[in-house]
């Protein structure tokens, strides 16, 4: 139940962020919410549709979901790196230097 609830709320948050975005770039909160949504939705189906024996044989799928989720988080941090640099430098982005 927890995975379903987290996937639902994260999916709702992703939609809210997309509908209310003001710039062409997505904020870091989108990437984090999308990673949470992706992880919990995938793991819910993997754990729910595979029996005990099948789960042991196909455990690598869980690892692929974990790797993909970490790539989503890394992509979010990479896309938002100018925001972090601007906060450090005092408002000046990397593209302005």
PDB file of N, CA and C in Angstrom:
ATOM      1  N   UNK A   1       0.819  -1.196   0.000  1.00  0.00           N
ATOM      2  CA  UNK A   1       0.000   0.000   0.000  1.00  0.00           C
ATOM      3  C   UNK A   1       0.863   1.260   0.000  1.00  0.00           C
ATOM      4  N   UNK A   2       1.993   1.216   0.686  1.00  0.00           N
ATOM      5  CA  UNK A   2       2.862   2.392   0.766  1.00  0.00           C
ATOM      6  C   UNK A   2       3.420   2.766  -0.597  1.00  0.00           C
ATOM      7  N   UNK A   3       3.838   1.786  -1.383  1.00  0.00           N
ATOM      8  CA  UNK A   3       4.375   2.073  -2.717  1.00  0.00           C
ATOM      9  C   UNK A   3       3.317   2.684  -3.617  1.00  0.00           C
ATOM     10  N   UNK A   4       2.100   2.186  -3.521  1.00  0.00           N
ATOM     11  CA  UNK A   4       1.023   2.734  -4.343  1.00  0.00           C
ATOM     12  C   UNK A   4       0.730   4.174  -3.946  1.00  0.00           C
ATOM     13  N   UNK A   5       0.671   4.436  -2.648  1.00  0.00           N
ATOM     14  CA  UNK A   5       0.389   5.789  -2.182  1.00  0.00           C
ATOM     15  C   UNK A   5       1.500   6.755  -2.570  1.00  0.00           C
ATOM     16  N   UNK A   6       2.746   6.347  -2.398  1.00  0.00           N
ATOM     17  CA  UNK A   6       3.863   7.217  -2.777  1.00  0.00           C
ATOM     18  C   UNK A   6       3.906   7.453  -4.282  1.00  0.00           C
ATOM     19  N   UNK A   7       3.637   6.424  -5.078  1.00  0.00           N
ATOM     20  CA  UNK A   7       3.603   6.592  -6.530  1.00  0.00           C
ATOM     21  C   UNK A   7       2.476   7.533  -6.930  1.00  0.00           C
ATOM     22  N   UNK A   8       1.328   7.417  -6.297  1.00  0.00           N
ATOM     23  CA  UNK A   8       0.197   8.292  -6.609  1.00  0.00           C
ATOM     24  C   UNK A   8       0.519   9.744  -6.280  1.00  0.00           C
ATOM     25  N   UNK A   9       1.011   9.992  -5.077  1.00  0.00           N
ATOM     26  CA  UNK A   9       1.299  11.367  -4.676  1.00  0.00           C
ATOM     27  C   UNK A   9       2.463  11.968  -5.476  1.00  0.00           C
ATOM     28  N   UNK A  10       3.476  11.169  -5.769  1.00  0.00           N
ATOM     29  CA  UNK A  10       4.587  11.665  -6.577  1.00  0.00           C
ATOM     30  C   UNK A  10       4.127  11.949  -8.006  1.00  0.00           C
ATOM     31  N   UNK A  11       3.281  11.089  -8.557  1.00  0.00           N
ATOM     32  CA  UNK A  11       2.739  11.327  -9.892  1.00  0.00           C
ATOM     33  C   UNK A  11       1.884  12.585  -9.932  1.00  0.00           C
ATOM     34  N   UNK A  12       1.086  12.792  -8.894  1.00  0.00           N
ATOM     35  CA  UNK A  12       0.287  14.003  -8.798  1.00  0.00           C
ATOM     36  C   UNK A  12       1.184  15.237  -8.719  1.00  0.00           C
ATOM     37  N   UNK A  13       2.247  15.159  -7.947  1.00  0.00           N
ATOM     38  CA  UNK A  13       3.185  16.273  -7.820  1.00  0.00           C
ATOM     39  C   UNK A  13       3.897  16.556  -9.139  1.00  0.00           C
ATOM     40  N   UNK A  14       4.275  15.505  -9.867  1.00  0.00           N
ATOM     41  CA  UNK A  14       4.909  15.684 -11.178  1.00  0.00           C
ATOM     42  C   UNK A  14       3.968  16.433 -12.119  1.00  0.00           C
ATOM     43  N   UNK A  15       2.696  16.045 -12.143  1.00  0.00           N
ATOM     44  CA  UNK A  15       1.726  16.737 -12.999  1.00  0.00           C
ATOM     45  C   UNK A  15       1.545  18.192 -12.589  1.00  0.00           C
ATOM     46  N   UNK A  16       1.491  18.445 -11.296  1.00  0.00           N
ATOM     47  CA  UNK A  16       1.349  19.828 -10.817  1.00  0.00           C
ATOM     48  C   UNK A  16       2.551  20.681 -11.222  1.00  0.00           C
ATOM     49  N   UNK A  17       3.732  20.138 -11.108  1.00  0.00           N
ATOM     50  CA  UNK A  17       4.947  20.884 -11.467  1.00  0.00           C
ATOM     51  C   UNK A  17       4.956  21.190 -12.961  1.00  0.00           C
ATOM     52  N   UNK A  18       4.583  20.212 -13.783  1.00  0.00           N
ATOM     53  CA  UNK A  18       4.577  20.422 -15.230  1.00  0.00           C
ATOM     54  C   UNK A  18       3.524  21.454 -15.630  1.00  0.00           C
ATOM     55  N   UNK A  19       2.352  21.388 -15.025  1.00  0.00           N
ATOM     56  CA  UNK A  19       1.282  22.318 -15.378  1.00  0.00           C
ATOM     57  C   UNK A  19       1.582  23.742 -14.927  1.00  0.00           C
ATOM     58  N   UNK A  20       2.339  23.911 -13.849  1.00  0.00           N
ATOM     59  CA  UNK A  20       2.579  25.240 -13.293  1.00  0.00           C
ATOM     60  C   UNK A  20       3.985  25.765 -13.535  1.00  0.00           C
ATOM     61  N   UNK A  21       4.743  25.127 -14.412  1.00  0.00           N
ATOM     62  CA  UNK A  21       6.113  25.593 -14.627  1.00  0.00           C
ATOM     63  C   UNK A  21       6.104  26.918 -15.378  1.00  0.00           C
ATOM     64  N   UNK A  22       7.050  27.771 -15.016  1.00  0.00           N
ATOM     65  CA  UNK A  22       7.108  29.112 -15.581  1.00  0.00           C
ATOM     66  C   UNK A  22       8.255  29.284 -16.567  1.00  0.00           C
ATOM     67  N   UNK A  23       9.253  28.424 -16.506  1.00  0.00           N
ATOM     68  CA  UNK A  23      10.382  28.538 -17.417  1.00  0.00           C
ATOM     69  C   UNK A  23      10.450  27.287 -18.299  1.00  0.00           C
ATOM     70  N   UNK A  24      11.373  27.300 -19.234  1.00  0.00           N
ATOM     71  CA  UNK A  24      11.509  26.161 -20.134  1.00  0.00           C
ATOM     72  C   UNK A  24      12.196  24.978 -19.460  1.00  0.00           C
ATOM     73  N   UNK A  25      12.891  25.225 -18.347  1.00  0.00           N
ATOM     74  CA  UNK A  25      13.599  24.161 -17.631  1.00  0.00           C
ATOM     75  C   UNK A  25      12.745  23.649 -16.482  1.00  0.00           C
ATOM     76  N   UNK A  26      12.894  22.379 -16.214  1.00  0.00           N
ATOM     77  CA  UNK A  26      12.161  21.770 -15.106  1.00  0.00           C
ATOM     78  C   UNK A  26      12.971  21.919 -13.823  1.00  0.00           C
ATOM     79  N   UNK A  27      12.306  22.225 -12.712  1.00  0.00           N
ATOM     80  CA  UNK A  27      13.035  22.391 -11.443  1.00  0.00           C
ATOM     81  C   UNK A  27      13.490  21.051 -10.874  1.00  0.00           C
ATOM     82  N   UNK A  28      14.381  21.115  -9.912  1.00  0.00           N
ATOM     83  CA  UNK A  28      14.902  19.901  -9.275  1.00  0.00           C
ATOM     84  C   UNK A  28      13.790  19.099  -8.604  1.00  0.00           C
ATOM     85  N   UNK A  29      12.787  19.787  -8.067  1.00  0.00           N
ATOM     86  CA  UNK A  29      11.681  19.076  -7.421  1.00  0.00           C
ATOM     87  C   UNK A  29      10.960  18.148  -8.399  1.00  0.00           C
ATOM     88  N   UNK A  30      10.900  18.523  -9.676  1.00  0.00           N
ATOM     89  CA  UNK A  30      10.308  17.629 -10.685  1.00  0.00           C
ATOM     90  C   UNK A  30      11.104  16.336 -10.793  1.00  0.00           C
ATOM     91  N   UNK A  31      12.411  16.462 -10.898  1.00  0.00           N
ATOM     92  CA  UNK A  31      13.252  15.279 -11.091  1.00  0.00           C
ATOM     93  C   UNK A  31      13.195  14.348  -9.888  1.00  0.00           C
ATOM     94  N   UNK A  32      13.155  14.923  -8.692  1.00  0.00           N
ATOM     95  CA  UNK A  32      13.070  14.094  -7.487  1.00  0.00           C
ATOM     96  C   UNK A  32      11.718  13.394  -7.422  1.00  0.00           C
ATOM     97  N   UNK A  33      10.637  14.142  -7.677  1.00  0.00           N
ATOM     98  CA  UNK A  33       9.301  13.541  -7.657  1.00  0.00           C
ATOM     99  C   UNK A  33       9.156  12.491  -8.752  1.00  0.00           C
ATOM    100  N   UNK A  34       9.728  12.751  -9.919  1.00  0.00           N
ATOM    101  CA  UNK A  34       9.665  11.778 -11.014  1.00  0.00           C
ATOM    102  C   UNK A  34      10.442  10.509 -10.664  1.00  0.00           C
ATOM    103  N   UNK A  35      11.594  10.656 -10.021  1.00  0.00           N
ATOM    104  CA  UNK A  35      12.357   9.482  -9.591  1.00  0.00           C
ATOM    105  C   UNK A  35      11.599   8.648  -8.575  1.00  0.00           C
ATOM    106  N   UNK A  36      10.951   9.317  -7.626  1.00  0.00           N
ATOM    107  CA  UNK A  36      10.139   8.602  -6.627  1.00  0.00           C
ATOM    108  C   UNK A  36       8.971   7.893  -7.302  1.00  0.00           C
ATOM    109  N   UNK A  37       8.297   8.599  -8.215  1.00  0.00           N
ATOM    110  CA  UNK A  37       7.182   7.998  -8.946  1.00  0.00           C
ATOM    111  C   UNK A  37       7.626   6.772  -9.734  1.00  0.00           C
ATOM    112  N   UNK A  38       8.697   6.901 -10.492  1.00  0.00           N
ATOM    113  CA  UNK A  38       9.196   5.801 -11.317  1.00  0.00           C
ATOM    114  C   UNK A  38       9.568   4.599 -10.457  1.00  0.00           C
ATOM    115  N   UNK A  39      10.315   4.835  -9.386  1.00  0.00           N
ATOM    116  CA  UNK A  39      10.777   3.739  -8.540  1.00  0.00           C
ATOM    117  C   UNK A  39       9.604   2.979  -7.911  1.00  0.00           C
ATOM    118  N   UNK A  40       8.694   3.707  -7.284  1.00  0.00           N
ATOM    119  CA  UNK A  40       7.615   3.030  -6.563  1.00  0.00           C
ATOM    120  C   UNK A  40       6.615   2.376  -7.505  1.00  0.00           C
ATOM    121  N   UNK A  41       6.362   2.969  -8.659  1.00  0.00           N
ATOM    122  CA  UNK A  41       5.452   2.343  -9.608  1.00  0.00           C
ATOM    123  C   UNK A  41       6.048   1.048 -10.150  1.00  0.00           C
ATOM    124  N   UNK A  42       7.318   1.081 -10.522  1.00  0.00           N
ATOM    125  CA  UNK A  42       7.963  -0.124 -11.064  1.00  0.00           C
ATOM    126  C   UNK A  42       8.103  -1.221 -10.017  1.00  0.00           C
ATOM    127  N   UNK A  43       8.550  -0.871  -8.830  1.00  0.00           N
ATOM    128  CA  UNK A  43       8.753  -1.907  -7.818  1.00  0.00           C
ATOM    129  C   UNK A  43       7.431  -2.505  -7.348  1.00  0.00           C
ATOM    130  N   UNK A  44       6.362  -1.717  -7.365  1.00  0.00           N
ATOM    131  CA  UNK A  44       5.056  -2.262  -6.996  1.00  0.00           C
ATOM    132  C   UNK A  44       4.665  -3.379  -7.960  1.00  0.00           C
ATOM    133  N   UNK A  45       4.830  -3.140  -9.257  1.00  0.00           N
ATOM    134  CA  UNK A  45       4.461  -4.165 -10.231  1.00  0.00           C
ATOM    135  C   UNK A  45       5.421  -5.346 -10.207  1.00  0.00           C
ATOM    136  N   UNK A  46       6.680  -5.077 -10.005  1.00  0.00           N
ATOM    137  CA  UNK A  46       7.653  -6.182  -9.962  1.00  0.00           C
ATOM    138  C   UNK A  46       7.358  -7.093  -8.769  1.00  0.00           C
ATOM    139  N   UNK A  47       7.160  -6.500  -7.606  1.00  0.00           N
ATOM    140  CA  UNK A  47       6.919  -7.313  -6.407  1.00  0.00           C
ATOM    141  C   UNK A  47       5.537  -7.930  -6.404  1.00  0.00           C
ATOM    142  N   UNK A  48       4.580  -7.268  -7.043  1.00  0.00           N
ATOM    143  CA  UNK A  48       3.217  -7.786  -7.033  1.00  0.00           C
ATOM    144  C   UNK A  48       2.946  -8.856  -8.067  1.00  0.00           C
ATOM    145  N   UNK A  49       3.643  -8.829  -9.173  1.00  0.00           N
ATOM    146  CA  UNK A  49       3.348  -9.760 -10.255  1.00  0.00           C
ATOM    147  C   UNK A  49       4.257 -10.979 -10.292  1.00  0.00           C
ATOM    148  N   UNK A  50       5.296 -10.983  -9.505  1.00  0.00           N
ATOM    149  CA  UNK A  50       6.221 -12.107  -9.509  1.00  0.00           C
ATOM    150  C   UNK A  50       6.078 -12.867  -8.191  1.00  0.00           C
ATOM    151  N   UNK A  51       5.921 -14.183  -8.304  1.00  0.00           N
ATOM    152  CA  UNK A  51       5.828 -14.991  -7.082  1.00  0.00           C
ATOM    153  C   UNK A  51       7.207 -15.118  -6.426  1.00  0.00           C
ATOM    154  N   UNK A  52       7.268 -15.819  -5.330  1.00  0.00           N
ATOM    155  CA  UNK A  52       8.514 -15.919  -4.548  1.00  0.00           C
ATOM    156  C   UNK A  52       9.667 -16.514  -5.350  1.00  0.00           C
ATOM    157  N   UNK A  53       9.418 -17.584  -6.066  1.00  0.00           N
ATOM    158  CA  UNK A  53      10.478 -18.221  -6.845  1.00  0.00           C
ATOM    159  C   UNK A  53      10.884 -17.332  -8.020  1.00  0.00           C
ATOM    160  N   UNK A  54       9.918 -16.738  -8.674  1.00  0.00           N
ATOM    161  CA  UNK A  54      10.221 -15.853  -9.793  1.00  0.00           C
ATOM    162  C   UNK A  54      10.966 -14.608  -9.363  1.00  0.00           C
ATOM    163  N   UNK A  55      10.697 -14.145  -8.167  1.00  0.00           N
ATOM    164  CA  UNK A  55      11.382 -12.957  -7.655  1.00  0.00           C
ATOM    165  C   UNK A  55      12.870 -13.221  -7.469  1.00  0.00           C
ATOM    166  N   UNK A  56      13.206 -14.400  -7.057  1.00  0.00           N
ATOM    167  CA  UNK A  56      14.632 -14.738  -6.885  1.00  0.00           C
ATOM    168  C   UNK A  56      15.345 -14.838  -8.229  1.00  0.00           C
ATOM    169  N   UNK A  57      14.642 -15.368  -9.231  1.00  0.00           N
ATOM    170  CA  UNK A  57      15.251 -15.526 -10.548  1.00  0.00           C
ATOM    171  C   UNK A  57      15.331 -14.210 -11.317  1.00  0.00           C
ATOM    172  N   UNK A  58      14.405 -13.312 -11.071  1.00  0.00           N
ATOM    173  CA  UNK A  58      14.343 -12.057 -11.822  1.00  0.00           C
ATOM    174  C   UNK A  58      14.682 -10.836 -10.965  1.00  0.00           C
ATOM    175  N   UNK A  59      15.508 -11.039  -9.944  1.00  0.00           N
ATOM    176  CA  UNK A  59      15.846  -9.934  -9.057  1.00  0.00           C
ATOM    177  C   UNK A  59      16.645  -8.848  -9.766  1.00  0.00           C
ATOM    178  N   UNK A  60      17.285  -9.175 -10.883  1.00  0.00           N
ATOM    179  CA  UNK A  60      18.060  -8.180 -11.612  1.00  0.00           C
ATOM    180  C   UNK A  60      17.170  -7.046 -12.131  1.00  0.00           C
ATOM    181  N   UNK A  61      15.877  -7.313 -12.332  1.00  0.00           N
ATOM    182  CA  UNK A  61      14.969  -6.244 -12.776  1.00  0.00           C
ATOM    183  C   UNK A  61      14.888  -5.155 -11.718  1.00  0.00           C
ATOM    184  N   UNK A  62      14.863  -5.561 -10.449  1.00  0.00           N
ATOM    185  CA  UNK A  62      14.867  -4.584  -9.353  1.00  0.00           C
ATOM    186  C   UNK A  62      16.135  -3.744  -9.395  1.00  0.00           C
ATOM    187  N   UNK A  63      17.258  -4.363  -9.701  1.00  0.00           N
ATOM    188  CA  UNK A  63      18.510  -3.621  -9.816  1.00  0.00           C
ATOM    189  C   UNK A  63      18.469  -2.637 -10.981  1.00  0.00           C
ATOM    190  N   UNK A  64      17.879  -3.036 -12.100  1.00  0.00           N
ATOM    191  CA  UNK A  64      17.743  -2.128 -13.237  1.00  0.00           C
ATOM    192  C   UNK A  64      16.872  -0.921 -12.900  1.00  0.00           C
ATOM    193  N   UNK A  65      15.814  -1.149 -12.130  1.00  0.00           N
ATOM    194  CA  UNK A  65      14.951  -0.041 -11.693  1.00  0.00           C
ATOM    195  C   UNK A  65      15.735   0.900 -10.781  1.00  0.00           C
ATOM    196  N   UNK A  66      16.535   0.352  -9.867  1.00  0.00           N
ATOM    197  CA  UNK A  66      17.349   1.187  -8.978  1.00  0.00           C
ATOM    198  C   UNK A  66      18.358   2.015  -9.774  1.00  0.00           C
ATOM    199  N   UNK A  67      19.012   1.401 -10.742  1.00  0.00           N
ATOM    200  CA  UNK A  67      19.987   2.120 -11.558  1.00  0.00           C
ATOM    201  C   UNK A  67      19.311   3.221 -12.358  1.00  0.00           C
ATOM    202  N   UNK A  68      18.163   2.921 -12.961  1.00  0.00           N
ATOM    203  CA  UNK A  68      17.435   3.917 -13.742  1.00  0.00           C
ATOM    204  C   UNK A  68      16.970   5.071 -12.869  1.00  0.00           C
ATOM    205  N   UNK A  69      16.512   4.774 -11.658  1.00  0.00           N
ATOM    206  CA  UNK A  69      16.090   5.833 -10.742  1.00  0.00           C
ATOM    207  C   UNK A  69      17.266   6.728 -10.376  1.00  0.00           C
ATOM    208  N   UNK A  70      18.423   6.147 -10.127  1.00  0.00           N
ATOM    209  CA  UNK A  70      19.607   6.960  -9.825  1.00  0.00           C
ATOM    210  C   UNK A  70      20.034   7.799 -11.016  1.00  0.00           C
ATOM    211  N   UNK A  71      19.848   7.287 -12.233  1.00  0.00           N
ATOM    212  CA  UNK A  71      20.144   8.079 -13.429  1.00  0.00           C
ATOM    213  C   UNK A  71      19.182   9.259 -13.534  1.00  0.00           C
ATOM    214  N   UNK A  72      17.921   9.057 -13.184  1.00  0.00           N
ATOM    215  CA  UNK A  72      16.947  10.159 -13.186  1.00  0.00           C
ATOM    216  C   UNK A  72      17.378  11.236 -12.195  1.00  0.00           C
ATOM    217  N   UNK A  73      17.783  10.835 -10.998  1.00  0.00           N
ATOM    218  CA  UNK A  73      18.243  11.812 -10.006  1.00  0.00           C
ATOM    219  C   UNK A  73      19.484  12.553 -10.498  1.00  0.00           C
ATOM    220  N   UNK A  74      20.441  11.819 -11.077  1.00  0.00           N
ATOM    221  CA  UNK A  74      21.661  12.449 -11.575  1.00  0.00           C
ATOM    222  C   UNK A  74      21.350  13.420 -12.708  1.00  0.00           C
ATOM    223  N   UNK A  75      20.433  13.042 -13.581  1.00  0.00           N
ATOM    224  CA  UNK A  75      20.029  13.930 -14.662  1.00  0.00           C
ATOM    225  C   UNK A  75      19.406  15.208 -14.118  1.00  0.00           C
ATOM    226  N   UNK A  76      18.593  15.070 -13.078  1.00  0.00           N
ATOM    227  CA  UNK A  76      17.991  16.249 -12.454  1.00  0.00           C
ATOM    228  C   UNK A  76      19.035  17.181 -11.872  1.00  0.00           C
ATOM    229  N   UNK A  77      20.012  16.630 -11.180  1.00  0.00           N
ATOM    230  CA  UNK A  77      21.075  17.467 -10.630  1.00  0.00           C
ATOM    231  C   UNK A  77      21.912  18.100 -11.737  1.00  0.00           C
ATOM    232  N   UNK A  78      22.123  17.369 -12.828  1.00  0.00           N
ATOM    233  CA  UNK A  78      22.904  17.906 -13.942  1.00  0.00           C
ATOM    234  C   UNK A  78      22.157  19.059 -14.622  1.00  0.00           C
ATOM    235  N   UNK A  79      20.864  18.874 -14.852  1.00  0.00           N
ATOM    236  CA  UNK A  79      20.069  19.907 -15.507  1.00  0.00           C
ATOM    237  C   UNK A  79      19.974  21.158 -14.632  1.00  0.00           C
ATOM    238  N   UNK A  80      19.930  20.988 -13.338  1.00  0.00           N
ATOM    239  CA  UNK A  80      19.752  22.111 -12.414  1.00  0.00           C
ATOM    240  C   UNK A  80      21.075  22.640 -11.860  1.00  0.00           C
ATOM    241  N   UNK A  81      22.198  22.284 -12.449  1.00  0.00           N
ATOM    242  CA  UNK A  81      23.495  22.695 -11.906  1.00  0.00           C
ATOM    243  C   UNK A  81      23.682  24.199 -11.930  1.00  0.00           C
ATOM    244  N   UNK A  82      23.107  24.906 -12.902  1.00  0.00           N
ATOM    245  CA  UNK A  82      23.215  26.365 -12.941  1.00  0.00           C
ATOM    246  C   UNK A  82      22.530  27.006 -11.736  1.00  0.00           C
ATOM    247  N   UNK A  83      21.417  26.410 -11.297  1.00  0.00           N
ATOM    248  CA  UNK A  83      20.715  26.946 -10.129  1.00  0.00           C
ATOM    249  C   UNK A  83      21.588  26.840  -8.881  1.00  0.00           C
ATOM    250  N   UNK A  84      22.290  25.723  -8.738  1.00  0.00           N
ATOM    251  CA  UNK A  84      23.163  25.550  -7.577  1.00  0.00           C
ATOM    252  C   UNK A  84      24.341  26.507  -7.635  1.00  0.00           C
ATOM    253  N   UNK A  85      24.903  26.672  -8.820  1.00  0.00           N
ATOM    254  CA  UNK A  85      26.032  27.588  -8.980  1.00  0.00           C
ATOM    255  C   UNK A  85      25.594  29.020  -8.715  1.00  0.00           C
ATOM    256  N   UNK A  86      24.395  29.378  -9.151  1.00  0.00           N
ATOM    257  CA  UNK A  86      23.878  30.736  -8.920  1.00  0.00           C
ATOM    258  C   UNK A  86      23.681  30.983  -7.433  1.00  0.00           C
ATOM    259  N   UNK A  87      23.247  29.984  -6.710  1.00  0.00           N
ATOM    260  CA  UNK A  87      23.076  30.151  -5.271  1.00  0.00           C
ATOM    261  C   UNK A  87      24.414  30.346  -4.578  1.00  0.00           C
ATOM    262  N   UNK A  88      25.449  29.682  -5.070  1.00  0.00           N
ATOM    263  CA  UNK A  88      26.784  29.812  -4.469  1.00  0.00           C
ATOM    264  C   UNK A  88      27.423  31.149  -4.802  1.00  0.00           C
ATOM    265  N   UNK A  89      27.315  31.555  -6.050  1.00  0.00           N
ATOM    266  CA  UNK A  89      28.030  32.747  -6.517  1.00  0.00           C
ATOM    267  C   UNK A  89      27.263  34.013  -6.162  1.00  0.00           C
ATOM    268  N   UNK A  90      25.999  33.901  -5.876  1.00  0.00           N
ATOM    269  CA  UNK A  90      25.221  35.072  -5.512  1.00  0.00           C
ATOM    270  C   UNK A  90      24.384  35.609  -6.659  1.00  0.00           C
ATOM    271  N   UNK A  91      23.793  34.712  -7.437  1.00  0.00           N
ATOM    272  CA  UNK A  91      22.884  35.123  -8.484  1.00  0.00           C
ATOM    273  C   UNK A  91      23.428  35.002  -9.884  1.00  0.00           C
ATOM    274  N   UNK A  92      24.705  34.801 -10.038  1.00  0.00           N
ATOM    275  CA  UNK A  92      25.302  34.690 -11.371  1.00  0.00           C
ATOM    276  C   UNK A  92      25.379  33.230 -11.764  1.00  0.00           C
ATOM    277  N   UNK A  93      24.842  32.875 -12.939  1.00  0.00           N
ATOM    278  CA  UNK A  93      24.837  31.497 -13.378  1.00  0.00           C
ATOM    279  C   UNK A  93      26.132  31.157 -14.108  1.00  0.00           C
ATOM    280  N   UNK A  94      26.343  29.871 -14.357  1.00  0.00           N
ATOM    281  CA  UNK A  94      27.544  29.441 -15.061  1.00  0.00           C
ATOM    282  C   UNK A  94      27.556  29.944 -16.504  1.00  0.00           C
ATOM    283  N   UNK A  95      26.376  30.064 -17.121  1.00  0.00           N
ATOM    284  CA  UNK A  95      26.331  30.516 -18.504  1.00  0.00           C
ATOM    285  C   UNK A  95      26.621  32.007 -18.636  1.00  0.00           C
ATOM    286  N   UNK A  96      26.529  32.768 -17.553  1.00  0.00           N
ATOM    287  CA  UNK A  96      26.810  34.199 -17.579  1.00  0.00           C
ATOM    288  C   UNK A  96      28.285  34.508 -17.316  1.00  0.00           C
ATOM    289  N   UNK A  97      29.072  33.528 -16.888  1.00  0.00           N
ATOM    290  CA  UNK A  97      30.466  33.802 -16.549  1.00  0.00           C
ATOM    291  C   UNK A  97      31.377  33.701 -17.739  1.00  0.00           C
TER     292      UNK A  97
END
